Amino acid sequence: MEEKFICRCQEVTEEELEAAIADGAVTMNEIKRWTRAGMGLCQGKCCSKQVMNLLAKKTGQAPGSIKPATYRNPVRPMMIGSMTKEEEQDASR
């Protein structure tokens, strides 16, 4: 059988997602923690709907009742000087 990648960023296959659901994952956060689906560069923008639909289908939940996984703000490097009071004062002007 050919592998079908649902989360291309993390290379998570449909088979891996189905296995996680069979092992008891019933929320998007559980799927994300157990398989890393949605944790790649796109942060789930490409795969989350497919994962939600698969989760709904396999658990018998209504697709609209499944809450999306929590998201974290991306971490970006910043200049130390941007955290000083001088920068705050400049931003408030």
PDB file of N, CA and C in Angstrom:
ATOM      1  N   MET A   1       0.834  -1.177   0.000  1.00  0.00           N
ATOM      2  CA  MET A   1       0.000   0.000   0.000  1.00  0.00           C
ATOM      3  C   MET A   1       0.888   1.253   0.000  1.00  0.00           C
ATOM      4  N   GLU A   2       0.523   2.222  -0.795  1.00  0.00           N
ATOM      5  CA  GLU A   2       1.294   3.456  -0.908  1.00  0.00           C
ATOM      6  C   GLU A   2       1.026   4.359   0.299  1.00  0.00           C
ATOM      7  N   GLU A   3       2.105   4.943   0.832  1.00  0.00           N
ATOM      8  CA  GLU A   3       1.947   5.869   1.965  1.00  0.00           C
ATOM      9  C   GLU A   3       1.266   7.145   1.503  1.00  0.00           C
ATOM     10  N   LYS A   4       0.334   7.622   2.298  1.00  0.00           N
ATOM     11  CA  LYS A   4      -0.342   8.886   2.003  1.00  0.00           C
ATOM     12  C   LYS A   4       0.033   9.861   3.124  1.00  0.00           C
ATOM     13  N   PHE A   5       0.836  10.854   2.768  1.00  0.00           N
ATOM     14  CA  PHE A   5       1.264  11.843   3.755  1.00  0.00           C
ATOM     15  C   PHE A   5       0.166  12.890   3.929  1.00  0.00           C
ATOM     16  N   ILE A   6      -0.278  13.036   5.161  1.00  0.00           N
ATOM     17  CA  ILE A   6      -1.268  14.060   5.487  1.00  0.00           C
ATOM     18  C   ILE A   6      -0.539  15.331   5.911  1.00  0.00           C
ATOM     19  N   CYS A   7       0.414  15.195   6.828  1.00  0.00           N
ATOM     20  CA  CYS A   7       1.241  16.330   7.257  1.00  0.00           C
ATOM     21  C   CYS A   7       2.580  16.198   6.545  1.00  0.00           C
ATOM     22  N   ARG A   8       2.738  16.969   5.494  1.00  0.00           N
ATOM     23  CA  ARG A   8       3.964  16.870   4.700  1.00  0.00           C
ATOM     24  C   ARG A   8       5.171  17.459   5.414  1.00  0.00           C
ATOM     25  N   CYS A   9       4.957  18.492   6.218  1.00  0.00           N
ATOM     26  CA  CYS A   9       6.087  19.123   6.918  1.00  0.00           C
ATOM     27  C   CYS A   9       6.771  18.152   7.883  1.00  0.00           C
ATOM     28  N   GLN A  10       5.974  17.361   8.588  1.00  0.00           N
ATOM     29  CA  GLN A  10       6.502  16.429   9.575  1.00  0.00           C
ATOM     30  C   GLN A  10       6.496  14.991   9.059  1.00  0.00           C
ATOM     31  N   GLU A  11       6.081  14.809   7.809  1.00  0.00           N
ATOM     32  CA  GLU A  11       6.032  13.498   7.172  1.00  0.00           C
ATOM     33  C   GLU A  11       5.194  12.495   7.974  1.00  0.00           C
ATOM     34  N   VAL A  12       3.996  12.923   8.383  1.00  0.00           N
ATOM     35  CA  VAL A  12       3.073  12.062   9.118  1.00  0.00           C
ATOM     36  C   VAL A  12       2.086  11.471   8.122  1.00  0.00           C
ATOM     37  N   THR A  13       1.995  10.151   8.136  1.00  0.00           N
ATOM     38  CA  THR A  13       1.125   9.463   7.188  1.00  0.00           C
ATOM     39  C   THR A  13      -0.273   9.267   7.757  1.00  0.00           C
ATOM     40  N   GLU A  14      -1.205   8.981   6.855  1.00  0.00           N
ATOM     41  CA  GLU A  14      -2.576   8.684   7.261  1.00  0.00           C
ATOM     42  C   GLU A  14      -2.583   7.461   8.185  1.00  0.00           C
ATOM     43  N   GLU A  15      -1.743   6.488   7.885  1.00  0.00           N
ATOM     44  CA  GLU A  15      -1.647   5.279   8.709  1.00  0.00           C
ATOM     45  C   GLU A  15      -1.213   5.607  10.138  1.00  0.00           C
ATOM     46  N   GLU A  16      -0.257   6.528  10.291  1.00  0.00           N
ATOM     47  CA  GLU A  16       0.195   6.922  11.636  1.00  0.00           C
ATOM     48  C   GLU A  16      -0.919   7.639  12.397  1.00  0.00           C
ATOM     49  N   LEU A  17      -1.671   8.476  11.696  1.00  0.00           N
ATOM     50  CA  LEU A  17      -2.786   9.169  12.338  1.00  0.00           C
ATOM     51  C   LEU A  17      -3.863   8.180  12.770  1.00  0.00           C
ATOM     52  N   GLU A  18      -4.174   7.235  11.898  1.00  0.00           N
ATOM     53  CA  GLU A  18      -5.178   6.223  12.231  1.00  0.00           C
ATOM     54  C   GLU A  18      -4.731   5.382  13.427  1.00  0.00           C
ATOM     55  N   ALA A  19      -3.447   5.068  13.503  1.00  0.00           N
ATOM     56  CA  ALA A  19      -2.920   4.303  14.634  1.00  0.00           C
ATOM     57  C   ALA A  19      -3.053   5.096  15.935  1.00  0.00           C
ATOM     58  N   ALA A  20      -2.768   6.394  15.885  1.00  0.00           N
ATOM     59  CA  ALA A  20      -2.906   7.240  17.080  1.00  0.00           C
ATOM     60  C   ALA A  20      -4.356   7.286  17.540  1.00  0.00           C
ATOM     61  N   ILE A  21      -5.277   7.394  16.597  1.00  0.00           N
ATOM     62  CA  ILE A  21      -6.704   7.421  16.934  1.00  0.00           C
ATOM     63  C   ILE A  21      -7.119   6.072  17.520  1.00  0.00           C
ATOM     64  N   ALA A  22      -6.644   4.992  16.938  1.00  0.00           N
ATOM     65  CA  ALA A  22      -6.947   3.658  17.454  1.00  0.00           C
ATOM     66  C   ALA A  22      -6.389   3.458  18.866  1.00  0.00           C
ATOM     67  N   ASP A  23      -5.277   4.127  19.170  1.00  0.00           N
ATOM     68  CA  ASP A  23      -4.667   4.037  20.498  1.00  0.00           C
ATOM     69  C   ASP A  23      -5.346   4.946  21.517  1.00  0.00           C
ATOM     70  N   GLY A  24      -6.332   5.750  21.078  1.00  0.00           N
ATOM     71  CA  GLY A  24      -7.096   6.549  22.028  1.00  0.00           C
ATOM     72  C   GLY A  24      -7.065   8.051  21.840  1.00  0.00           C
ATOM     73  N   ALA A  25      -6.388   8.565  20.847  1.00  0.00           N
ATOM     74  CA  ALA A  25      -6.370  10.015  20.613  1.00  0.00           C
ATOM     75  C   ALA A  25      -7.749  10.457  20.108  1.00  0.00           C
ATOM     76  N   VAL A  26      -8.370  11.394  20.813  1.00  0.00           N
ATOM     77  CA  VAL A  26      -9.708  11.846  20.417  1.00  0.00           C
ATOM     78  C   VAL A  26      -9.792  13.363  20.226  1.00  0.00           C
ATOM     79  N   THR A  27      -8.677  14.067  20.417  1.00  0.00           N
ATOM     80  CA  THR A  27      -8.653  15.516  20.215  1.00  0.00           C
ATOM     81  C   THR A  27      -7.495  15.870  19.285  1.00  0.00           C
ATOM     82  N   MET A  28      -7.582  17.053  18.722  1.00  0.00           N
ATOM     83  CA  MET A  28      -6.505  17.519  17.848  1.00  0.00           C
ATOM     84  C   MET A  28      -5.203  17.698  18.626  1.00  0.00           C
ATOM     85  N   ASN A  29      -5.290  18.153  19.870  1.00  0.00           N
ATOM     86  CA  ASN A  29      -4.067  18.311  20.667  1.00  0.00           C
ATOM     87  C   ASN A  29      -3.397  16.972  20.926  1.00  0.00           C
ATOM     88  N   GLU A  30      -4.188  15.923  21.168  1.00  0.00           N
ATOM     89  CA  GLU A  30      -3.600  14.600  21.364  1.00  0.00           C
ATOM     90  C   GLU A  30      -2.938  14.107  20.079  1.00  0.00           C
ATOM     91  N   ILE A  31      -3.623  14.283  18.957  1.00  0.00           N
ATOM     92  CA  ILE A  31      -3.050  13.892  17.666  1.00  0.00           C
ATOM     93  C   ILE A  31      -1.726  14.628  17.448  1.00  0.00           C
ATOM     94  N   LYS A  32      -1.728  15.923  17.745  1.00  0.00           N
ATOM     95  CA  LYS A  32      -0.538  16.749  17.536  1.00  0.00           C
ATOM     96  C   LYS A  32       0.617  16.275  18.428  1.00  0.00           C
ATOM     97  N   ARG A  33       0.325  16.006  19.692  1.00  0.00           N
ATOM     98  CA  ARG A  33       1.375  15.562  20.621  1.00  0.00           C
ATOM     99  C   ARG A  33       1.894  14.173  20.273  1.00  0.00           C
ATOM    100  N   TRP A  34       1.014  13.286  19.863  1.00  0.00           N
ATOM    101  CA  TRP A  34       1.410  11.898  19.628  1.00  0.00           C
ATOM    102  C   TRP A  34       2.105  11.708  18.284  1.00  0.00           C
ATOM    103  N   THR A  35       1.730  12.506  17.282  1.00  0.00           N
ATOM    104  CA  THR A  35       2.273  12.266  15.942  1.00  0.00           C
ATOM    105  C   THR A  35       3.109  13.412  15.393  1.00  0.00           C
ATOM    106  N   ARG A  36       3.023  14.592  15.993  1.00  0.00           N
ATOM    107  CA  ARG A  36       3.669  15.831  15.540  1.00  0.00           C
ATOM    108  C   ARG A  36       3.001  16.422  14.303  1.00  0.00           C
ATOM    109  N   ALA A  37       1.837  15.898  13.907  1.00  0.00           N
ATOM    110  CA  ALA A  37       1.095  16.477  12.783  1.00  0.00           C
ATOM    111  C   ALA A  37       0.696  17.902  13.148  1.00  0.00           C
ATOM    112  N   GLY A  38       1.014  18.842  12.290  1.00  0.00           N
ATOM    113  CA  GLY A  38       0.695  20.241  12.545  1.00  0.00           C
ATOM    114  C   GLY A  38       1.788  21.015  13.257  1.00  0.00           C
ATOM    115  N   MET A  39       2.936  20.390  13.470  1.00  0.00           N
ATOM    116  CA  MET A  39       4.025  21.062  14.183  1.00  0.00           C
ATOM    117  C   MET A  39       5.168  21.466  13.259  1.00  0.00           C
ATOM    118  N   GLY A  40       4.968  21.354  11.975  1.00  0.00           N
ATOM    119  CA  GLY A  40       6.017  21.689  11.019  1.00  0.00           C
ATOM    120  C   GLY A  40       6.034  23.164  10.669  1.00  0.00           C
ATOM    121  N   LEU A  41       6.691  23.485   9.585  1.00  0.00           N
ATOM    122  CA  LEU A  41       6.854  24.877   9.165  1.00  0.00           C
ATOM    123  C   LEU A  41       5.523  25.592   8.937  1.00  0.00           C
ATOM    124  N   CYS A  42       4.525  24.884   8.433  1.00  0.00           N
ATOM    125  CA  CYS A  42       3.247  25.548   8.138  1.00  0.00           C
ATOM    126  C   CYS A  42       2.352  25.661   9.366  1.00  0.00           C
ATOM    127  N   GLN A  43       2.747  25.038  10.481  1.00  0.00           N
ATOM    128  CA  GLN A  43       1.985  25.072  11.727  1.00  0.00           C
ATOM    129  C   GLN A  43       0.546  24.587  11.543  1.00  0.00           C
ATOM    130  N   GLY A  44       0.362  23.589  10.695  1.00  0.00           N
ATOM    131  CA  GLY A  44      -0.947  22.988  10.504  1.00  0.00           C
ATOM    132  C   GLY A  44      -1.835  23.656   9.476  1.00  0.00           C
ATOM    133  N   LYS A  45      -1.347  24.695   8.829  1.00  0.00           N
ATOM    134  CA  LYS A  45      -2.176  25.395   7.846  1.00  0.00           C
ATOM    135  C   LYS A  45      -2.531  24.510   6.657  1.00  0.00           C
ATOM    136  N   CYS A  46      -1.652  23.578   6.322  1.00  0.00           N
ATOM    137  CA  CYS A  46      -1.899  22.707   5.172  1.00  0.00           C
ATOM    138  C   CYS A  46      -2.629  21.425   5.544  1.00  0.00           C
ATOM    139  N   CYS A  47      -2.455  20.931   6.759  1.00  0.00           N
ATOM    140  CA  CYS A  47      -2.962  19.597   7.083  1.00  0.00           C
ATOM    141  C   CYS A  47      -4.071  19.550   8.122  1.00  0.00           C
ATOM    142  N   SER A  48      -4.292  20.606   8.872  1.00  0.00           N
ATOM    143  CA  SER A  48      -5.208  20.499  10.010  1.00  0.00           C
ATOM    144  C   SER A  48      -6.626  20.106   9.605  1.00  0.00           C
ATOM    145  N   LYS A  49      -7.122  20.605   8.491  1.00  0.00           N
ATOM    146  CA  LYS A  49      -8.485  20.237   8.074  1.00  0.00           C
ATOM    147  C   LYS A  49      -8.567  18.764   7.731  1.00  0.00           C
ATOM    148  N   GLN A  50      -7.535  18.238   7.066  1.00  0.00           N
ATOM    149  CA  GLN A  50      -7.523  16.813   6.742  1.00  0.00           C
ATOM    150  C   GLN A  50      -7.461  15.965   8.006  1.00  0.00           C
ATOM    151  N   VAL A  51      -6.645  16.387   8.963  1.00  0.00           N
ATOM    152  CA  VAL A  51      -6.530  15.648  10.222  1.00  0.00           C
ATOM    153  C   VAL A  51      -7.858  15.702  10.974  1.00  0.00           C
ATOM    154  N   MET A  52      -8.485  16.859  11.010  1.00  0.00           N
ATOM    155  CA  MET A  52      -9.773  16.996  11.693  1.00  0.00           C
ATOM    156  C   MET A  52     -10.839  16.102  11.050  1.00  0.00           C
ATOM    157  N   ASN A  53     -10.866  16.068   9.720  1.00  0.00           N
ATOM    158  CA  ASN A  53     -11.840  15.227   9.027  1.00  0.00           C
ATOM    159  C   ASN A  53     -11.588  13.749   9.300  1.00  0.00           C
ATOM    160  N   LEU A  54     -10.333  13.338   9.313  1.00  0.00           N
ATOM    161  CA  LEU A  54     -10.000  11.950   9.606  1.00  0.00           C
ATOM    162  C   LEU A  54     -10.392  11.603  11.044  1.00  0.00           C
ATOM    163  N   LEU A  55     -10.102  12.500  11.974  1.00  0.00           N
ATOM    164  CA  LEU A  55     -10.453  12.291  13.380  1.00  0.00           C
ATOM    165  C   LEU A  55     -11.966  12.162  13.542  1.00  0.00           C
ATOM    166  N   ALA A  56     -12.711  13.022  12.873  1.00  0.00           N
ATOM    167  CA  ALA A  56     -14.175  12.965  12.945  1.00  0.00           C
ATOM    168  C   ALA A  56     -14.692  11.642  12.383  1.00  0.00           C
ATOM    169  N   LYS A  57     -14.169  11.257  11.253  1.00  0.00           N
ATOM    170  CA  LYS A  57     -14.603  10.018  10.591  1.00  0.00           C
ATOM    171  C   LYS A  57     -14.315   8.791  11.457  1.00  0.00           C
ATOM    172  N   LYS A  58     -13.115   8.726  12.016  1.00  0.00           N
ATOM    173  CA  LYS A  58     -12.696   7.544  12.769  1.00  0.00           C
ATOM    174  C   LYS A  58     -13.310   7.464  14.166  1.00  0.00           C
ATOM    175  N   THR A  59     -13.701   8.611  14.747  1.00  0.00           N
ATOM    176  CA  THR A  59     -14.261   8.602  16.110  1.00  0.00           C
ATOM    177  C   THR A  59     -15.770   8.777  16.125  1.00  0.00           C
ATOM    178  N   GLY A  60     -16.355   9.049  14.960  1.00  0.00           N
ATOM    179  CA  GLY A  60     -17.800   9.230  14.905  1.00  0.00           C
ATOM    180  C   GLY A  60     -18.277  10.589  15.400  1.00  0.00           C
ATOM    181  N   GLN A  61     -17.359  11.521  15.572  1.00  0.00           N
ATOM    182  CA  GLN A  61     -17.723  12.871  16.002  1.00  0.00           C
ATOM    183  C   GLN A  61     -18.173  13.688  14.790  1.00  0.00           C
ATOM    184  N   ALA A  62     -18.988  14.686  15.059  1.00  0.00           N
ATOM    185  CA  ALA A  62     -19.363  15.614  13.993  1.00  0.00           C
ATOM    186  C   ALA A  62     -18.143  16.472  13.676  1.00  0.00           C
ATOM    187  N   PRO A  63     -17.831  16.669  12.393  1.00  0.00           N
ATOM    188  CA  PRO A  63     -16.643  17.468  12.046  1.00  0.00           C
ATOM    189  C   PRO A  63     -16.638  18.859  12.686  1.00  0.00           C
ATOM    190  N   GLY A  64     -17.796  19.474  12.820  1.00  0.00           N
ATOM    191  CA  GLY A  64     -17.864  20.808  13.415  1.00  0.00           C
ATOM    192  C   GLY A  64     -17.636  20.828  14.912  1.00  0.00           C
ATOM    193  N   SER A  65     -17.706  19.678  15.558  1.00  0.00           N
ATOM    194  CA  SER A  65     -17.534  19.630  17.011  1.00  0.00           C
ATOM    195  C   SER A  65     -16.073  19.478  17.435  1.00  0.00           C
ATOM    196  N   ILE A  66     -15.201  19.203  16.484  1.00  0.00           N
ATOM    197  CA  ILE A  66     -13.780  19.014  16.814  1.00  0.00           C
ATOM    198  C   ILE A  66     -13.096  20.372  16.891  1.00  0.00           C
ATOM    199  N   LYS A  67     -12.518  20.633  18.046  1.00  0.00           N
ATOM    200  CA  LYS A  67     -11.813  21.901  18.247  1.00  0.00           C
ATOM    201  C   LYS A  67     -10.418  21.815  17.650  1.00  0.00           C
ATOM    202  N   PRO A  68      -9.951  22.903  17.044  1.00  0.00           N
ATOM    203  CA  PRO A  68      -8.592  22.892  16.487  1.00  0.00           C
ATOM    204  C   PRO A  68      -7.550  22.783  17.591  1.00  0.00           C
ATOM    205  N   ALA A  69      -6.369  22.358  17.217  1.00  0.00           N
ATOM    206  CA  ALA A  69      -5.259  22.262  18.165  1.00  0.00           C
ATOM    207  C   ALA A  69      -4.836  23.664  18.593  1.00  0.00           C
ATOM    208  N   THR A  70      -4.250  23.741  19.760  1.00  0.00           N
ATOM    209  CA  THR A  70      -3.744  25.030  20.222  1.00  0.00           C
ATOM    210  C   THR A  70      -2.505  25.399  19.414  1.00  0.00           C
ATOM    211  N   TYR A  71      -2.295  26.678  19.265  1.00  0.00           N
ATOM    212  CA  TYR A  71      -1.164  27.173  18.495  1.00  0.00           C
ATOM    213  C   TYR A  71      -0.260  27.988  19.383  1.00  0.00           C
ATOM    214  N   ARG A  72       0.980  27.970  19.079  1.00  0.00           N
ATOM    215  CA  ARG A  72       1.952  28.787  19.789  1.00  0.00           C
ATOM    216  C   ARG A  72       2.484  29.836  18.814  1.00  0.00           C
ATOM    217  N   ASN A  73       2.761  30.997  19.337  1.00  0.00           N
ATOM    218  CA  ASN A  73       3.340  32.030  18.492  1.00  0.00           C
ATOM    219  C   ASN A  73       4.712  31.577  18.020  1.00  0.00           C
ATOM    220  N   PRO A  74       5.049  31.888  16.784  1.00  0.00           N
ATOM    221  CA  PRO A  74       6.385  31.506  16.319  1.00  0.00           C
ATOM    222  C   PRO A  74       7.464  32.278  17.067  1.00  0.00           C
ATOM    223  N   VAL A  75       8.550  31.623  17.319  1.00  0.00           N
ATOM    224  CA  VAL A  75       9.676  32.252  17.997  1.00  0.00           C
ATOM    225  C   VAL A  75      10.580  32.828  16.928  1.00  0.00           C
ATOM    226  N   ARG A  76      10.892  34.095  17.079  1.00  0.00           N
ATOM    227  CA  ARG A  76      11.757  34.762  16.106  1.00  0.00           C
ATOM    228  C   ARG A  76      12.876  35.480  16.837  1.00  0.00           C
ATOM    229  N   PRO A  77      14.049  35.471  16.269  1.00  0.00           N
ATOM    230  CA  PRO A  77      15.144  36.201  16.907  1.00  0.00           C
ATOM    231  C   PRO A  77      14.854  37.700  16.903  1.00  0.00           C
ATOM    232  N   MET A  78      15.271  38.358  17.959  1.00  0.00           N
ATOM    233  CA  MET A  78      15.083  39.810  18.018  1.00  0.00           C
ATOM    234  C   MET A  78      16.298  40.444  18.673  1.00  0.00           C
ATOM    235  N   MET A  79      16.478  41.703  18.385  1.00  0.00           N
ATOM    236  CA  MET A  79      17.607  42.444  18.938  1.00  0.00           C
ATOM    237  C   MET A  79      17.349  42.709  20.421  1.00  0.00           C
ATOM    238  N   ILE A  80      18.359  42.542  21.237  1.00  0.00           N
ATOM    239  CA  ILE A  80      18.231  42.795  22.666  1.00  0.00           C
ATOM    240  C   ILE A  80      17.798  44.237  22.907  1.00  0.00           C
ATOM    241  N   GLY A  81      18.298  45.149  22.114  1.00  0.00           N
ATOM    242  CA  GLY A  81      17.943  46.557  22.278  1.00  0.00           C
ATOM    243  C   GLY A  81      16.457  46.831  22.079  1.00  0.00           C
ATOM    244  N   SER A  82      15.755  45.953  21.403  1.00  0.00           N
ATOM    245  CA  SER A  82      14.331  46.184  21.180  1.00  0.00           C
ATOM    246  C   SER A  82      13.511  45.981  22.446  1.00  0.00           C
ATOM    247  N   MET A  83      14.138  45.476  23.494  1.00  0.00           N
ATOM    248  CA  MET A  83      13.422  45.258  24.748  1.00  0.00           C
ATOM    249  C   MET A  83      13.741  46.322  25.791  1.00  0.00           C
ATOM    250  N   THR A  84      14.440  47.364  25.420  1.00  0.00           N
ATOM    251  CA  THR A  84      14.788  48.407  26.381  1.00  0.00           C
ATOM    252  C   THR A  84      13.701  49.447  26.459  1.00  0.00           C
ATOM    253  N   LYS A  85      13.763  50.271  27.493  1.00  0.00           N
ATOM    254  CA  LYS A  85      12.760  51.309  27.691  1.00  0.00           C
ATOM    255  C   LYS A  85      12.795  52.346  26.574  1.00  0.00           C
ATOM    256  N   GLU A  86      13.974  52.595  26.016  1.00  0.00           N
ATOM    257  CA  GLU A  86      14.078  53.575  24.922  1.00  0.00           C
ATOM    258  C   GLU A  86      13.204  53.142  23.748  1.00  0.00           C
ATOM    259  N   GLU A  87      13.220  51.878  23.426  1.00  0.00           N
ATOM    260  CA  GLU A  87      12.401  51.371  22.310  1.00  0.00           C
ATOM    261  C   GLU A  87      10.928  51.511  22.639  1.00  0.00           C
ATOM    262  N   GLU A  88      10.555  51.236  23.897  1.00  0.00           N
ATOM    263  CA  GLU A  88       9.150  51.364  24.307  1.00  0.00           C
ATOM    264  C   GLU A  88       8.680  52.798  24.144  1.00  0.00           C
ATOM    265  N   GLN A  89       9.541  53.748  24.532  1.00  0.00           N
ATOM    266  CA  GLN A  89       9.167  55.155  24.407  1.00  0.00           C
ATOM    267  C   GLN A  89       9.037  55.567  22.961  1.00  0.00           C
ATOM    268  N   ASP A  90       9.923  55.087  22.095  1.00  0.00           N
ATOM    269  CA  ASP A  90       9.852  55.391  20.678  1.00  0.00           C
ATOM    270  C   ASP A  90       8.570  54.828  20.084  1.00  0.00           C
ATOM    271  N   ALA A  91       8.166  53.646  20.517  1.00  0.00           N
ATOM    272  CA  ALA A  91       6.969  52.995  19.964  1.00  0.00           C
ATOM    273  C   ALA A  91       5.704  53.719  20.395  1.00  0.00           C
ATOM    274  N   SER A  92       5.724  54.383  21.567  1.00  0.00           N
ATOM    275  CA  SER A  92       4.528  55.047  22.050  1.00  0.00           C
ATOM    276  C   SER A  92       4.311  56.430  21.421  1.00  0.00           C
ATOM    277  N   ARG A  93       5.280  56.923  20.689  1.00  0.00           N
ATOM    278  CA  ARG A  93       5.173  58.261  20.085  1.00  0.00           C
ATOM    279  C   ARG A  93       4.377  58.250  18.836  1.00  0.00           C
TER     280      ARG A  93
END
